[in-house]
């Protein structure tokens, strides 16, 4: 079974509360089948941009994307992890 990563991109122009909307959405993902984890990303270099990244085992379920947001889903092709430190 594959791992998929899903992104939802929101921008403040869509409403000052876009970060709160994506945070609320993230809080509701945990009960969904296949959910592995999520992060809400903001960047000082991209003011007003928010990305909700979520990881899934298998297919990404249908998610209610806030109006005006963009979304993408990717299948993980490779994974590299840091070696454990001694």
N, C-alpha and C. Protein backbone atom coordinates (compact mmCIF):
# COMPACT_ATOMS: atom_id res chain seq x y z
N UNK A 1 0.85 -1.18 0.00
CA UNK A 1 0.00 0.00 0.00
C UNK A 1 0.89 1.24 0.00
N UNK A 2 0.52 2.26 -0.72
CA UNK A 2 1.34 3.45 -0.88
C UNK A 2 1.02 4.52 0.18
N UNK A 3 1.99 5.38 0.39
CA UNK A 3 1.79 6.56 1.23
C UNK A 3 1.54 7.74 0.31
N UNK A 4 0.58 8.55 0.65
CA UNK A 4 0.26 9.75 -0.13
C UNK A 4 0.38 10.97 0.77
N UNK A 5 0.79 12.07 0.16
CA UNK A 5 0.88 13.35 0.85
C UNK A 5 -0.09 14.29 0.16
N UNK A 6 -0.90 14.97 0.96
CA UNK A 6 -1.90 15.89 0.42
C UNK A 6 -1.61 17.29 0.95
N UNK A 7 -1.66 18.27 0.07
CA UNK A 7 -1.45 19.67 0.44
C UNK A 7 -2.70 20.48 0.14
N UNK A 8 -3.03 21.37 1.05
CA UNK A 8 -4.04 22.40 0.80
C UNK A 8 -3.35 23.73 0.99
N UNK A 9 -3.40 24.58 -0.03
CA UNK A 9 -2.78 25.90 0.02
C UNK A 9 -3.86 26.95 0.21
N UNK A 10 -3.67 27.76 1.23
CA UNK A 10 -4.58 28.88 1.48
C UNK A 10 -3.79 30.17 1.57
N UNK A 11 -4.41 31.25 1.16
CA UNK A 11 -3.77 32.57 1.23
C UNK A 11 -4.69 33.53 1.98
N UNK A 12 -4.06 34.44 2.70
CA UNK A 12 -4.81 35.38 3.54
C UNK A 12 -5.82 36.18 2.72
N UNK A 13 -5.56 36.41 1.43
CA UNK A 13 -6.51 37.17 0.61
C UNK A 13 -7.89 36.50 0.58
N UNK A 14 -7.92 35.20 0.86
CA UNK A 14 -9.19 34.46 0.86
C UNK A 14 -9.96 34.69 2.16
N UNK A 15 -9.37 35.40 3.09
CA UNK A 15 -9.99 35.66 4.38
C UNK A 15 -8.92 35.62 5.46
N UNK A 16 -8.98 36.58 6.36
CA UNK A 16 -7.96 36.66 7.40
C UNK A 16 -7.91 35.42 8.27
N UNK A 17 -8.96 34.63 8.27
CA UNK A 17 -9.01 33.45 9.14
C UNK A 17 -8.61 32.16 8.44
N UNK A 18 -7.91 32.24 7.30
CA UNK A 18 -7.57 31.01 6.56
C UNK A 18 -6.70 30.09 7.40
N UNK A 19 -5.78 30.64 8.18
CA UNK A 19 -4.95 29.79 9.03
C UNK A 19 -5.81 29.07 10.06
N UNK A 20 -6.77 29.75 10.63
CA UNK A 20 -7.69 29.12 11.59
C UNK A 20 -8.56 28.06 10.91
N UNK A 21 -9.01 28.33 9.69
CA UNK A 21 -9.82 27.35 8.96
C UNK A 21 -9.03 26.07 8.70
N UNK A 22 -7.77 26.24 8.27
CA UNK A 22 -6.95 25.06 8.00
C UNK A 22 -6.58 24.33 9.29
N UNK A 23 -6.39 25.07 10.38
CA UNK A 23 -6.12 24.44 11.67
C UNK A 23 -7.33 23.62 12.13
N UNK A 24 -8.52 24.16 11.97
CA UNK A 24 -9.73 23.42 12.33
C UNK A 24 -9.87 22.16 11.49
N UNK A 25 -9.60 22.27 10.19
CA UNK A 25 -9.66 21.11 9.31
C UNK A 25 -8.65 20.06 9.76
N UNK A 26 -7.42 20.48 10.08
CA UNK A 26 -6.40 19.54 10.52
C UNK A 26 -6.85 18.80 11.79
N UNK A 27 -7.49 19.50 12.70
CA UNK A 27 -7.94 18.89 13.95
C UNK A 27 -8.98 17.80 13.72
N UNK A 28 -9.67 17.84 12.59
CA UNK A 28 -10.71 16.84 12.29
C UNK A 28 -10.20 15.65 11.47
N UNK A 29 -8.92 15.65 11.10
CA UNK A 29 -8.41 14.58 10.24
C UNK A 29 -8.11 13.29 11.00
N UNK A 30 -7.80 13.38 12.26
CA UNK A 30 -7.31 12.25 13.02
C UNK A 30 -8.19 11.02 13.05
N UNK A 31 -9.49 11.18 12.91
CA UNK A 31 -10.40 10.02 12.96
C UNK A 31 -10.55 9.33 11.61
N UNK A 32 -9.98 9.91 10.55
CA UNK A 32 -10.14 9.35 9.20
C UNK A 32 -9.26 8.13 9.01
N UNK A 33 -9.79 7.12 8.32
CA UNK A 33 -9.01 5.92 8.01
C UNK A 33 -7.77 6.28 7.19
N UNK A 34 -6.65 5.70 7.55
CA UNK A 34 -5.42 5.89 6.82
C UNK A 34 -4.61 7.11 7.21
N UNK A 35 -5.11 7.93 8.14
CA UNK A 35 -4.41 9.16 8.53
C UNK A 35 -3.12 8.82 9.27
N UNK A 36 -2.00 9.43 8.82
CA UNK A 36 -0.71 9.20 9.45
C UNK A 36 -0.19 10.42 10.21
N UNK A 37 -0.61 11.61 9.84
CA UNK A 37 -0.16 12.83 10.52
C UNK A 37 -0.35 14.03 9.63
N UNK A 38 -0.17 15.23 10.22
CA UNK A 38 -0.36 16.47 9.47
C UNK A 38 0.42 17.59 10.12
N UNK A 39 0.76 18.59 9.33
CA UNK A 39 1.38 19.83 9.80
C UNK A 39 0.72 21.00 9.10
N UNK A 40 0.60 22.10 9.83
CA UNK A 40 0.14 23.36 9.25
C UNK A 40 1.38 24.24 9.13
N UNK A 41 1.73 24.61 7.91
CA UNK A 41 2.98 25.33 7.64
C UNK A 41 2.71 26.78 7.28
N UNK A 42 3.50 27.69 7.86
CA UNK A 42 3.48 29.11 7.51
C UNK A 42 4.94 29.52 7.34
N UNK A 43 5.20 30.56 6.56
CA UNK A 43 6.57 30.97 6.28
C UNK A 43 6.71 32.48 6.36
N UNK A 44 7.72 32.95 7.10
CA UNK A 44 7.98 34.39 7.11
C UNK A 44 8.35 34.91 5.72
N UNK A 45 8.91 34.04 4.87
CA UNK A 45 9.28 34.46 3.52
C UNK A 45 8.07 34.55 2.58
N UNK A 46 6.97 33.96 2.97
CA UNK A 46 5.74 33.98 2.17
C UNK A 46 4.58 34.45 3.06
N UNK A 47 4.56 35.72 3.48
CA UNK A 47 3.50 36.19 4.38
C UNK A 47 2.12 35.93 3.79
N UNK A 48 1.25 35.42 4.62
CA UNK A 48 -0.13 35.17 4.20
C UNK A 48 -0.36 33.81 3.57
N UNK A 49 0.71 33.04 3.34
CA UNK A 49 0.57 31.71 2.74
C UNK A 49 0.54 30.66 3.84
N UNK A 50 -0.42 29.75 3.76
CA UNK A 50 -0.54 28.63 4.70
C UNK A 50 -0.65 27.34 3.88
N UNK A 51 0.05 26.30 4.32
CA UNK A 51 -0.05 24.98 3.70
C UNK A 51 -0.43 23.97 4.77
N UNK A 52 -1.47 23.22 4.51
CA UNK A 52 -1.83 22.09 5.36
C UNK A 52 -1.33 20.84 4.64
N UNK A 53 -0.34 20.19 5.25
CA UNK A 53 0.22 18.97 4.69
C UNK A 53 -0.29 17.80 5.52
N UNK A 54 -0.86 16.80 4.88
CA UNK A 54 -1.30 15.60 5.59
C UNK A 54 -0.78 14.37 4.87
N UNK A 55 -0.50 13.33 5.65
CA UNK A 55 0.04 12.08 5.11
C UNK A 55 -0.96 10.96 5.37
N UNK A 56 -1.08 10.09 4.36
CA UNK A 56 -2.11 9.05 4.37
C UNK A 56 -1.56 7.72 3.90
N UNK A 57 -2.01 6.66 4.50
CA UNK A 57 -1.71 5.31 4.01
C UNK A 57 -2.79 4.99 2.99
N UNK A 58 -2.41 4.83 1.74
CA UNK A 58 -3.38 4.55 0.68
C UNK A 58 -3.99 5.84 0.15
N UNK A 59 -5.19 5.73 -0.35
CA UNK A 59 -5.86 6.87 -0.97
C UNK A 59 -6.19 7.96 0.05
N UNK A 60 -6.12 9.20 -0.40
CA UNK A 60 -6.53 10.33 0.41
C UNK A 60 -8.06 10.41 0.35
N UNK A 61 -8.73 10.48 1.51
CA UNK A 61 -10.19 10.57 1.47
C UNK A 61 -10.62 11.93 0.92
N UNK A 62 -11.86 12.03 0.54
CA UNK A 62 -12.39 13.30 0.08
C UNK A 62 -12.34 14.28 1.25
N UNK A 63 -11.69 15.41 1.04
CA UNK A 63 -11.56 16.42 2.07
C UNK A 63 -12.29 17.68 1.63
N UNK A 64 -12.93 18.35 2.57
CA UNK A 64 -13.63 19.60 2.25
C UNK A 64 -12.60 20.72 2.24
N UNK A 65 -12.18 21.12 1.06
CA UNK A 65 -11.19 22.17 0.89
C UNK A 65 -11.89 23.52 0.99
N UNK A 66 -11.40 24.43 1.85
CA UNK A 66 -12.05 25.74 1.98
C UNK A 66 -12.13 26.45 0.63
N UNK A 67 -13.17 27.24 0.42
CA UNK A 67 -13.33 27.96 -0.85
C UNK A 67 -12.10 28.80 -1.17
N UNK A 68 -11.68 28.76 -2.44
CA UNK A 68 -10.55 29.54 -2.90
C UNK A 68 -9.20 28.88 -2.67
N UNK A 69 -9.15 27.80 -1.92
CA UNK A 69 -7.89 27.11 -1.68
C UNK A 69 -7.60 26.15 -2.82
N UNK A 70 -6.32 25.85 -3.01
CA UNK A 70 -5.88 24.86 -3.98
C UNK A 70 -5.48 23.61 -3.22
N UNK A 71 -5.57 22.45 -3.88
CA UNK A 71 -5.11 21.22 -3.22
C UNK A 71 -4.47 20.29 -4.24
N UNK A 72 -3.50 19.50 -3.73
CA UNK A 72 -2.77 18.53 -4.53
C UNK A 72 -2.55 17.29 -3.72
N UNK A 73 -2.41 16.17 -4.40
CA UNK A 73 -2.09 14.92 -3.73
C UNK A 73 -0.92 14.28 -4.48
N UNK A 74 0.03 13.75 -3.73
CA UNK A 74 1.22 13.12 -4.31
C UNK A 74 1.39 11.73 -3.72
N UNK A 75 1.88 10.81 -4.52
CA UNK A 75 2.28 9.51 -4.02
C UNK A 75 3.77 9.58 -3.68
N UNK A 76 4.15 9.08 -2.52
CA UNK A 76 5.55 9.11 -2.10
C UNK A 76 6.32 8.08 -2.93
N UNK A 77 7.34 8.56 -3.65
CA UNK A 77 8.14 7.69 -4.50
C UNK A 77 9.37 7.16 -3.76
N UNK A 78 9.94 7.96 -2.86
CA UNK A 78 11.11 7.55 -2.08
C UNK A 78 11.05 8.21 -0.72
N UNK A 79 11.66 7.56 0.25
CA UNK A 79 11.78 8.13 1.60
C UNK A 79 13.23 7.97 2.05
N UNK A 80 13.81 9.04 2.55
CA UNK A 80 15.13 9.01 3.17
C UNK A 80 14.94 9.50 4.59
N UNK A 81 15.61 8.86 5.53
CA UNK A 81 15.54 9.28 6.91
C UNK A 81 16.94 9.41 7.47
N UNK A 82 17.08 10.29 8.44
CA UNK A 82 18.37 10.47 9.10
C UNK A 82 18.74 9.20 9.85
N UNK A 83 20.02 8.91 9.86
CA UNK A 83 20.50 7.75 10.63
C UNK A 83 20.37 8.06 12.12
N UNK A 84 20.08 7.04 12.92
CA UNK A 84 20.02 7.29 14.37
C UNK A 84 21.38 7.74 14.88
N UNK A 85 21.36 8.72 15.76
CA UNK A 85 22.59 9.23 16.36
C UNK A 85 23.00 8.35 17.53
N UNK A 86 24.28 8.06 17.63
CA UNK A 86 24.78 7.20 18.72
C UNK A 86 25.00 8.01 19.97
